[in-house]
Amino acid sequence: MDEIKKSNLSLENRKKLTLTGVIEIINFDEETILLNTSLGKITVKGEGLKVDKLDVQNGEVIIAGMISSLVYSKKGVKKSKKDFIKRIFK
C-alpha cells in the first residue's frame, strides 16, 4: 500500500511562507526560489525573498519577502527543446 505523502503550505499576508514536506531547495535568489517537495516542485516568485529557516530533517522551510506567486510543477515532467522551438516559430 502506498504511503500518503504530506505537504502543507501556509502564507501569511504575502510576506511569510511556511512549507512542510520539503526535500530540498534546488535554487534560490531574491526573486525566485525553486523547491522540491514530496508532492512535486514548487516555484516561489516575489521580491526580496530569503530563506529564514531550513529544517532538512523535518522538511520545513520558512521564506520571507513579498511573495507574488506560487506554482506547482508536475513530478518528472521535462519539456523538450523541440516543443520550445515549436512555440517560438508558431
Protein backbone atom coordinates (compact mmCIF):
# COMPACT_ATOMS: atom_id res chain seq x y z
CA MET A 1 0.00 0.00 0.00
CA ASP A 2 1.36 3.44 -0.94
CA GLU A 3 2.10 5.84 1.87
CA ILE A 4 0.21 9.13 1.63
CA LYS A 5 2.68 11.97 1.10
CA LYS A 6 2.05 15.10 3.12
CA SER A 7 2.99 18.65 2.38
CA ASN A 8 1.49 21.79 3.89
CA LEU A 9 1.66 25.39 2.80
CA SER A 10 0.81 28.48 4.86
CA LEU A 11 1.06 32.03 3.54
CA GLU A 12 0.72 34.97 5.94
CA ASN A 13 -0.01 38.41 4.46
CA ARG A 14 2.05 37.54 1.35
CA LYS A 15 5.18 38.10 3.48
CA LYS A 16 5.84 34.77 5.21
CA LEU A 17 5.53 31.34 3.61
CA THR A 18 5.83 28.16 5.66
CA LEU A 19 6.20 24.87 3.76
CA THR A 20 6.42 21.31 5.05
CA GLY A 21 7.28 18.19 3.09
CA VAL A 22 10.30 19.93 1.56
CA ILE A 23 13.00 17.59 0.30
CA GLU A 24 15.49 20.19 -0.94
CA ILE A 25 15.96 23.74 -2.13
CA ILE A 26 17.05 23.40 -5.75
CA ASN A 27 17.84 27.04 -6.49
CA PHE A 28 17.20 30.46 -4.99
CA ASP A 29 17.82 34.16 -5.33
CA GLU A 30 15.96 37.30 -4.20
CA GLU A 31 13.24 36.88 -6.86
CA THR A 32 12.77 33.11 -7.30
CA ILE A 33 13.05 30.06 -5.05
CA LEU A 34 12.68 26.56 -6.50
CA LEU A 35 11.95 23.74 -4.03
CA ASN A 36 11.45 20.01 -4.38
CA THR A 37 8.66 18.71 -2.11
CA SER A 38 7.03 15.36 -1.51
CA LEU A 39 4.25 16.42 -3.90
CA GLY A 40 6.39 17.92 -6.66
CA LYS A 41 8.38 21.05 -7.37
CA ILE A 42 7.22 24.48 -6.21
CA THR A 43 8.40 27.77 -7.66
CA VAL A 44 8.02 30.78 -5.37
CA LYS A 45 8.34 34.21 -7.01
CA GLY A 46 8.48 37.63 -5.43
CA GLU A 47 10.77 40.42 -4.26
CA GLY A 48 13.41 40.38 -1.53
CA LEU A 49 12.93 36.65 -0.92
CA LYS A 50 15.12 34.94 1.66
CA VAL A 51 15.10 31.60 3.43
CA ASP A 52 14.52 32.38 7.11
CA LYS A 53 14.51 28.76 8.28
CA LEU A 54 15.60 25.48 6.73
CA ASP A 55 14.99 22.30 8.73
CA VAL A 56 16.09 19.48 6.44
CA GLN A 57 15.42 16.75 8.99
CA ASN A 58 11.74 17.71 9.38
CA GLY A 59 11.34 19.05 5.82
CA GLU A 60 10.29 22.55 6.89
CA VAL A 61 11.18 25.82 5.17
CA ILE A 62 10.16 29.38 6.03
CA ILE A 63 10.52 32.00 3.30
CA ALA A 64 10.23 35.75 3.96
CA GLY A 65 9.77 38.59 1.47
CA MET A 66 7.00 39.92 -0.75
CA ILE A 67 5.55 36.78 -2.36
CA SER A 68 3.76 37.28 -5.68
CA SER A 69 3.21 33.69 -6.88
CA LEU A 70 3.43 30.00 -6.02
CA VAL A 71 3.41 27.42 -8.80
CA TYR A 72 3.45 23.63 -8.52
CA SER A 73 5.11 21.64 -11.31
CA LYS A 74 4.36 18.02 -12.07
CA LYS A 75 6.92 15.47 -10.94
CA GLY A 76 9.17 14.11 -13.64
CA VAL A 77 7.81 16.29 -16.43
CA LYS A 78 10.51 17.72 -18.66
CA LYS A 79 9.76 19.87 -21.67
CA SER A 80 11.83 19.10 -24.69
CA LYS A 81 13.75 21.68 -26.69
CA LYS A 82 11.69 20.69 -29.71
CA ASP A 83 8.47 21.88 -28.01
CA PHE A 84 10.16 25.17 -27.13
CA ILE A 85 11.26 25.75 -30.72
CA LYS A 86 7.75 24.90 -32.00
CA ARG A 87 6.28 27.60 -29.76
CA ILE A 88 8.78 30.21 -30.98
CA PHE A 89 8.00 29.68 -34.64
CA LYS A 90 4.25 29.32 -34.25
